Amino acid sequence: MSFNSLLSLGGPIVNILAILSIYALGVILYKFHKFYKVNYFKNSGIDSSIDLWASNERKEAYAQVNAMDHPESEVVSFVMYQLLKNKKLDPKDEQNLREEVVRLSDERINYFSLKLDSLQVVASIAPLLGLLGTVFGMIDAFQQMELAGKNVDPSVLSGGIWEALLTTAAGLSVAIPIVVAESYFRTLVERFKSNLENSITRVFTANLN
């Protein structure tokens, strides 16, 4: 069966699902582009720089991190620079620095989380739209059966039910891959958040020792 036939048989609900699937595909491709653009999947090498920092080779550690092209290095290099510039921070300055680091970290995390909520919404409403289409299709099929009275043609009824169930299948077909993609991107964001928090904590802890 051709794509055009599916759109015709499924009615407006399947057309809406087709539009949502195109939008979701665009978001997924956009997210992959963003992750690759900032070298997210590239090995950051942050750990070796923090090891240098912990060994009191702090200028070398900062130079190494500052030369990296990775989103995690942006915040870590900022922390190292501030701690190098202000070797003895009073409690108020340290608190201000930590707040700025949290702001920068949240900014990066929000950048990677952008449009994930829209994927979640599409994944949530696609099966509901499919179910709604099925309900409308079943109502139409039983109306035809009522109008036919005693001269019901089973093929007409079964054909109407088949067309109705098509929307449920379409809704699930749209939702399942979107759920997988959205979950994958959420995992990437959580991993980035965890790694970033761990790296920043190590830098601050080494400085206080």
C-alpha atoms as a PDB file:
ATOM      1  CA  MET A   1       0.000   0.000   0.000  1.00  0.00           C
ATOM      2  CA  SER A   2       1.371   3.435  -0.952  1.00  0.00           C
ATOM      3  CA  PHE A   3       1.880   6.328   1.452  1.00  0.00           C
ATOM      4  CA  ASN A   4      -0.812   8.346  -0.332  1.00  0.00           C
ATOM      5  CA  SER A   5      -3.273   5.474   0.114  1.00  0.00           C
ATOM      6  CA  LEU A   6      -2.580   5.396   3.845  1.00  0.00           C
ATOM      7  CA  LEU A   7      -3.179   9.135   4.108  1.00  0.00           C
ATOM      8  CA  SER A   8      -6.422   8.792   2.179  1.00  0.00           C
ATOM      9  CA  LEU A   9      -7.745   5.823   4.188  1.00  0.00           C
ATOM     10  CA  GLY A  10      -6.689   7.201   7.574  1.00  0.00           C
ATOM     11  CA  GLY A  11      -8.348  10.550   7.052  1.00  0.00           C
ATOM     12  CA  PRO A  12      -7.370  13.788   8.811  1.00  0.00           C
ATOM     13  CA  ILE A  13      -5.955  12.008  11.875  1.00  0.00           C
ATOM     14  CA  VAL A  14      -3.306  10.180   9.835  1.00  0.00           C
ATOM     15  CA  ASN A  15      -2.523  13.428   8.026  1.00  0.00           C
ATOM     16  CA  ILE A  16      -1.931  15.129  11.375  1.00  0.00           C
ATOM     17  CA  LEU A  17       0.263  12.224  12.489  1.00  0.00           C
ATOM     18  CA  ALA A  18       2.256  12.502   9.262  1.00  0.00           C
ATOM     19  CA  ILE A  19       2.885  16.198   9.949  1.00  0.00           C
ATOM     20  CA  LEU A  20       3.917  15.447  13.547  1.00  0.00           C
ATOM     21  CA  SER A  21       6.295  12.709  12.389  1.00  0.00           C
ATOM     22  CA  ILE A  22       7.956  15.084   9.910  1.00  0.00           C
ATOM     23  CA  TYR A  23       8.347  17.688  12.663  1.00  0.00           C
ATOM     24  CA  ALA A  24       9.787  15.098  15.072  1.00  0.00           C
ATOM     25  CA  LEU A  25      12.237  13.857  12.448  1.00  0.00           C
ATOM     26  CA  GLY A  26      13.386  17.428  11.920  1.00  0.00           C
ATOM     27  CA  VAL A  27      13.944  17.873  15.675  1.00  0.00           C
ATOM     28  CA  ILE A  28      15.877  14.594  15.916  1.00  0.00           C
ATOM     29  CA  LEU A  29      18.164  15.549  13.035  1.00  0.00           C
ATOM     30  CA  TYR A  30      18.603  19.005  14.582  1.00  0.00           C
ATOM     31  CA  LYS A  31      19.622  17.464  17.925  1.00  0.00           C
ATOM     32  CA  PHE A  32      22.175  15.146  16.330  1.00  0.00           C
ATOM     33  CA  HIS A  33      23.594  18.111  14.420  1.00  0.00           C
ATOM     34  CA  LYS A  34      23.909  20.131  17.629  1.00  0.00           C
ATOM     35  CA  PHE A  35      25.653  17.325  19.524  1.00  0.00           C
ATOM     36  CA  TYR A  36      28.105  16.671  16.698  1.00  0.00           C
ATOM     37  CA  LYS A  37      28.692  20.385  16.105  1.00  0.00           C
ATOM     38  CA  VAL A  38      30.092  20.873  19.629  1.00  0.00           C
ATOM     39  CA  ASN A  39      32.117  17.617  19.510  1.00  0.00           C
ATOM     40  CA  TYR A  40      30.008  16.069  22.259  1.00  0.00           C
ATOM     41  CA  PHE A  41      30.894  12.524  21.190  1.00  0.00           C
ATOM     42  CA  LYS A  42      34.608  13.319  21.107  1.00  0.00           C
ATOM     43  CA  ASN A  43      36.722  12.158  24.045  1.00  0.00           C
ATOM     44  CA  SER A  44      37.133  15.308  26.123  1.00  0.00           C
ATOM     45  CA  GLY A  45      40.385  14.426  27.924  1.00  0.00           C
ATOM     46  CA  ILE A  46      39.188  16.466  30.908  1.00  0.00           C
ATOM     47  CA  ASP A  47      40.275  13.813  33.408  1.00  0.00           C
ATOM     48  CA  SER A  48      43.951  14.083  32.489  1.00  0.00           C
ATOM     49  CA  SER A  49      43.825  17.871  32.887  1.00  0.00           C
ATOM     50  CA  ILE A  50      42.171  17.608  36.290  1.00  0.00           C
ATOM     51  CA  ASP A  51      44.850  15.116  37.326  1.00  0.00           C
ATOM     52  CA  LEU A  52      47.453  17.763  36.440  1.00  0.00           C
ATOM     53  CA  TRP A  53      45.452  20.312  38.419  1.00  0.00           C
ATOM     54  CA  ALA A  54      45.364  17.999  41.434  1.00  0.00           C
ATOM     55  CA  SER A  55      49.146  17.501  41.114  1.00  0.00           C
ATOM     56  CA  ASN A  56      49.575  21.282  41.496  1.00  0.00           C
ATOM     57  CA  GLU A  57      50.535  21.714  37.834  1.00  0.00           C
ATOM     58  CA  ARG A  58      47.737  24.178  37.470  1.00  0.00           C
ATOM     59  CA  LYS A  59      48.931  26.421  34.682  1.00  0.00           C
ATOM     60  CA  GLU A  60      49.586  23.355  32.531  1.00  0.00           C
ATOM     61  CA  ALA A  61      46.166  21.950  33.450  1.00  0.00           C
ATOM     62  CA  TYR A  62      44.425  25.196  32.500  1.00  0.00           C
ATOM     63  CA  ALA A  63      46.347  25.493  29.225  1.00  0.00           C
ATOM     64  CA  GLN A  64      45.373  21.923  28.320  1.00  0.00           C
ATOM     65  CA  VAL A  65      41.684  22.409  29.117  1.00  0.00           C
ATOM     66  CA  ASN A  66      41.553  25.790  27.422  1.00  0.00           C
ATOM     67  CA  ALA A  67      42.872  24.243  24.201  1.00  0.00           C
ATOM     68  CA  MET A  68      40.162  21.556  24.148  1.00  0.00           C
ATOM     69  CA  ASP A  69      37.201  21.763  21.810  1.00  0.00           C
ATOM     70  CA  HIS A  70      34.525  20.172  23.956  1.00  0.00           C
ATOM     71  CA  PRO A  71      31.440  21.643  25.723  1.00  0.00           C
ATOM     72  CA  GLU A  72      32.553  20.341  29.123  1.00  0.00           C
ATOM     73  CA  SER A  73      35.908  22.131  28.826  1.00  0.00           C
ATOM     74  CA  GLU A  74      34.255  25.551  28.533  1.00  0.00           C
ATOM     75  CA  VAL A  75      33.002  25.555  32.117  1.00  0.00           C
ATOM     76  CA  VAL A  76      36.008  23.705  33.577  1.00  0.00           C
ATOM     77  CA  SER A  77      38.468  26.133  31.975  1.00  0.00           C
ATOM     78  CA  PHE A  78      36.471  29.060  33.379  1.00  0.00           C
ATOM     79  CA  VAL A  79      36.693  27.608  36.900  1.00  0.00           C
ATOM     80  CA  MET A  80      40.426  26.957  36.574  1.00  0.00           C
ATOM     81  CA  TYR A  81      41.055  30.461  35.231  1.00  0.00           C
ATOM     82  CA  GLN A  82      39.193  32.104  38.102  1.00  0.00           C
ATOM     83  CA  LEU A  83      40.993  29.996  40.697  1.00  0.00           C
ATOM     84  CA  LEU A  84      44.377  30.742  39.106  1.00  0.00           C
ATOM     85  CA  LYS A  85      43.620  34.452  38.998  1.00  0.00           C
ATOM     86  CA  ASN A  86      42.356  34.521  42.590  1.00  0.00           C
ATOM     87  CA  LYS A  87      44.513  32.094  44.511  1.00  0.00           C
ATOM     88  CA  LYS A  88      42.908  32.944  47.869  1.00  0.00           C
ATOM     89  CA  LEU A  89      39.180  33.442  47.619  1.00  0.00           C
ATOM     90  CA  ASP A  90      37.247  34.742  50.604  1.00  0.00           C
ATOM     91  CA  PRO A  91      33.969  32.909  51.346  1.00  0.00           C
ATOM     92  CA  LYS A  92      31.858  35.559  49.590  1.00  0.00           C
ATOM     93  CA  ASP A  93      33.966  35.481  46.402  1.00  0.00           C
ATOM     94  CA  GLU A  94      33.957  31.698  46.405  1.00  0.00           C
ATOM     95  CA  GLN A  95      30.174  31.667  46.754  1.00  0.00           C
ATOM     96  CA  ASN A  96      29.846  34.133  43.863  1.00  0.00           C
ATOM     97  CA  LEU A  97      32.135  31.970  41.740  1.00  0.00           C
ATOM     98  CA  ARG A  98      30.132  28.840  42.507  1.00  0.00           C
ATOM     99  CA  GLU A  99      26.892  30.617  41.604  1.00  0.00           C
ATOM    100  CA  GLU A 100      28.366  31.759  38.287  1.00  0.00           C
ATOM    101  CA  VAL A 101      29.576  28.227  37.577  1.00  0.00           C
ATOM    102  CA  VAL A 102      26.076  26.893  38.267  1.00  0.00           C
ATOM    103  CA  ARG A 103      24.647  29.494  35.888  1.00  0.00           C
ATOM    104  CA  LEU A 104      27.096  28.582  33.124  1.00  0.00           C
ATOM    105  CA  SER A 105      26.485  24.866  33.669  1.00  0.00           C
ATOM    106  CA  ASP A 106      22.713  25.317  33.506  1.00  0.00           C
ATOM    107  CA  GLU A 107      23.132  27.359  30.333  1.00  0.00           C
ATOM    108  CA  ARG A 108      25.038  24.519  28.648  1.00  0.00           C
ATOM    109  CA  ILE A 109      22.623  21.872  29.926  1.00  0.00           C
ATOM    110  CA  ASN A 110      19.623  23.875  28.693  1.00  0.00           C
ATOM    111  CA  TYR A 111      21.318  24.204  25.309  1.00  0.00           C
ATOM    112  CA  PHE A 112      21.461  20.418  24.972  1.00  0.00           C
ATOM    113  CA  SER A 113      17.941  19.986  26.361  1.00  0.00           C
ATOM    114  CA  LEU A 114      16.420  22.370  23.814  1.00  0.00           C
ATOM    115  CA  LYS A 115      13.362  20.954  21.986  1.00  0.00           C
ATOM    116  CA  LEU A 116      13.371  17.671  23.943  1.00  0.00           C
ATOM    117  CA  ASP A 117      10.081  18.664  25.586  1.00  0.00           C
ATOM    118  CA  SER A 118       8.480  19.065  22.156  1.00  0.00           C
ATOM    119  CA  LEU A 119       9.561  15.515  21.264  1.00  0.00           C
ATOM    120  CA  GLN A 120       8.021  14.308  24.503  1.00  0.00           C
ATOM    121  CA  VAL A 121       4.747  16.052  23.684  1.00  0.00           C
ATOM    122  CA  VAL A 122       4.597  14.505  20.191  1.00  0.00           C
ATOM    123  CA  ALA A 123       5.377  11.061  21.615  1.00  0.00           C
ATOM    124  CA  SER A 124       2.565  11.496  24.156  1.00  0.00           C
ATOM    125  CA  ILE A 125      -0.174  12.723  21.843  1.00  0.00           C
ATOM    126  CA  ALA A 126       0.547  10.507  18.813  1.00  0.00           C
ATOM    127  CA  PRO A 127      -0.993   7.321  20.346  1.00  0.00           C
ATOM    128  CA  LEU A 128      -3.937   9.372  21.653  1.00  0.00           C
ATOM    129  CA  LEU A 129      -4.581  10.784  18.202  1.00  0.00           C
ATOM    130  CA  GLY A 130      -4.407   7.257  16.797  1.00  0.00           C
ATOM    131  CA  LEU A 131      -6.931   6.063  19.371  1.00  0.00           C
ATOM    132  CA  LEU A 132      -9.185   9.025  18.623  1.00  0.00           C
ATOM    133  CA  GLY A 133      -9.093   8.172  14.923  1.00  0.00           C
ATOM    134  CA  THR A 134     -10.002   4.589  15.724  1.00  0.00           C
ATOM    135  CA  VAL A 135     -12.954   5.684  17.847  1.00  0.00           C
ATOM    136  CA  PHE A 136     -14.236   7.944  15.069  1.00  0.00           C
ATOM    137  CA  GLY A 137     -13.739   5.133  12.548  1.00  0.00           C
ATOM    138  CA  MET A 138     -15.632   2.634  14.687  1.00  0.00           C
ATOM    139  CA  ILE A 139     -18.475   5.098  15.162  1.00  0.00           C
ATOM    140  CA  ASP A 140     -18.678   5.545  11.401  1.00  0.00           C
ATOM    141  CA  ALA A 141     -18.568   1.781  10.812  1.00  0.00           C
ATOM    142  CA  PHE A 142     -21.425   1.103  13.241  1.00  0.00           C
ATOM    143  CA  GLN A 143     -23.444   3.953  11.775  1.00  0.00           C
ATOM    144  CA  GLN A 144     -23.133   2.285   8.374  1.00  0.00           C
ATOM    145  CA  MET A 145     -24.230  -1.002   9.933  1.00  0.00           C
ATOM    146  CA  GLU A 146     -27.238   0.696  11.508  1.00  0.00           C
ATOM    147  CA  LEU A 147     -28.237   2.316   8.215  1.00  0.00           C
ATOM    148  CA  ALA A 148     -27.926  -1.000   6.386  1.00  0.00           C
ATOM    149  CA  GLY A 149     -30.372  -2.588   8.805  1.00  0.00           C
ATOM    150  CA  LYS A 150     -30.829  -6.287   8.059  1.00  0.00           C
ATOM    151  CA  ASN A 151     -28.876  -6.057   4.815  1.00  0.00           C
ATOM    152  CA  VAL A 152     -25.514  -5.650   6.495  1.00  0.00           C
ATOM    153  CA  ASP A 153     -22.546  -6.471   4.298  1.00  0.00           C
ATOM    154  CA  PRO A 154     -19.825  -7.914   6.564  1.00  0.00           C
ATOM    155  CA  SER A 155     -17.150  -6.703   4.143  1.00  0.00           C
ATOM    156  CA  VAL A 156     -18.306  -3.099   4.594  1.00  0.00           C
ATOM    157  CA  LEU A 157     -18.163  -3.426   8.368  1.00  0.00           C
ATOM    158  CA  SER A 158     -14.779  -5.164   8.398  1.00  0.00           C
ATOM    159  CA  GLY A 159     -13.398  -2.635   5.927  1.00  0.00           C
ATOM    160  CA  GLY A 160     -14.526   0.239   8.146  1.00  0.00           C
ATOM    161  CA  ILE A 161     -12.966  -1.364  11.222  1.00  0.00           C
ATOM    162  CA  TRP A 162      -9.721  -2.009   9.316  1.00  0.00           C
ATOM    163  CA  GLU A 163      -9.540   1.624   8.288  1.00  0.00           C
ATOM    164  CA  ALA A 164     -10.276   2.704  11.864  1.00  0.00           C
ATOM    165  CA  LEU A 165      -7.522   0.540  13.340  1.00  0.00           C
ATOM    166  CA  LEU A 166      -5.111   2.006  10.798  1.00  0.00           C
ATOM    167  CA  THR A 167      -4.984   5.246  12.799  1.00  0.00           C
ATOM    168  CA  THR A 168      -3.977   3.405  15.987  1.00  0.00           C
ATOM    169  CA  ALA A 169      -1.181   1.655  14.127  1.00  0.00           C
ATOM    170  CA  ALA A 170      -0.081   4.980  12.652  1.00  0.00           C
ATOM    171  CA  GLY A 171      -0.107   6.644  16.077  1.00  0.00           C
ATOM    172  CA  LEU A 172       2.027   3.915  17.636  1.00  0.00           C
ATOM    173  CA  SER A 173       4.390   3.861  14.652  1.00  0.00           C
ATOM    174  CA  VAL A 174       4.997   7.574  15.116  1.00  0.00           C
ATOM    175  CA  ALA A 175       5.283   7.482  18.917  1.00  0.00           C
ATOM    176  CA  ILE A 176       7.622   4.504  19.455  1.00  0.00           C
ATOM    177  CA  PRO A 177      10.713   5.771  17.574  1.00  0.00           C
ATOM    178  CA  ILE A 178      10.203   9.263  19.019  1.00  0.00           C
ATOM    179  CA  VAL A 179      10.137   7.858  22.560  1.00  0.00           C
ATOM    180  CA  VAL A 180      13.380   5.994  21.860  1.00  0.00           C
ATOM    181  CA  ALA A 181      15.055   9.094  20.394  1.00  0.00           C
ATOM    182  CA  GLU A 182      13.863  11.374  23.203  1.00  0.00           C
ATOM    183  CA  SER A 183      15.069   8.916  25.845  1.00  0.00           C
ATOM    184  CA  TYR A 184      18.459   8.662  24.131  1.00  0.00           C
ATOM    185  CA  PHE A 185      18.908  12.439  24.050  1.00  0.00           C
ATOM    186  CA  ARG A 186      17.826  12.720  27.700  1.00  0.00           C
ATOM    187  CA  THR A 187      20.491  10.148  28.579  1.00  0.00           C
ATOM    188  CA  LEU A 188      23.131  12.191  26.740  1.00  0.00           C
ATOM    189  CA  VAL A 189      22.098  15.343  28.608  1.00  0.00           C
ATOM    190  CA  GLU A 190      22.126  13.580  31.985  1.00  0.00           C
ATOM    191  CA  ARG A 191      25.563  12.124  31.233  1.00  0.00           C
ATOM    192  CA  PHE A 192      26.874  15.562  30.321  1.00  0.00           C
ATOM    193  CA  LYS A 193      25.395  17.043  33.506  1.00  0.00           C
ATOM    194  CA  SER A 194      26.902  14.297  35.677  1.00  0.00           C
ATOM    195  CA  ASN A 195      30.351  14.552  34.061  1.00  0.00           C
ATOM    196  CA  LEU A 196      30.340  18.334  34.314  1.00  0.00           C
ATOM    197  CA  GLU A 197      29.354  18.336  37.993  1.00  0.00           C
ATOM    198  CA  ASN A 198      32.003  15.728  38.759  1.00  0.00           C
ATOM    199  CA  SER A 199      34.756  17.665  36.953  1.00  0.00           C
ATOM    200  CA  ILE A 200      33.884  20.990  38.606  1.00  0.00           C
ATOM    201  CA  THR A 201      33.744  19.398  42.052  1.00  0.00           C
ATOM    202  CA  ARG A 202      37.198  17.832  41.519  1.00  0.00           C
ATOM    203  CA  VAL A 203      38.654  21.187  40.520  1.00  0.00           C
ATOM    204  CA  PHE A 204      37.238  22.968  43.567  1.00  0.00           C
ATOM    205  CA  THR A 205      38.219  20.151  45.903  1.00  0.00           C
ATOM    206  CA  ALA A 206      41.790  20.054  44.615  1.00  0.00           C
ATOM    207  CA  ASN A 207      42.063  23.808  45.099  1.00  0.00           C
ATOM    208  CA  LEU A 208      40.962  23.584  48.708  1.00  0.00           C
ATOM    209  CA  ASN A 209      43.364  20.775  49.625  1.00  0.00           C
END
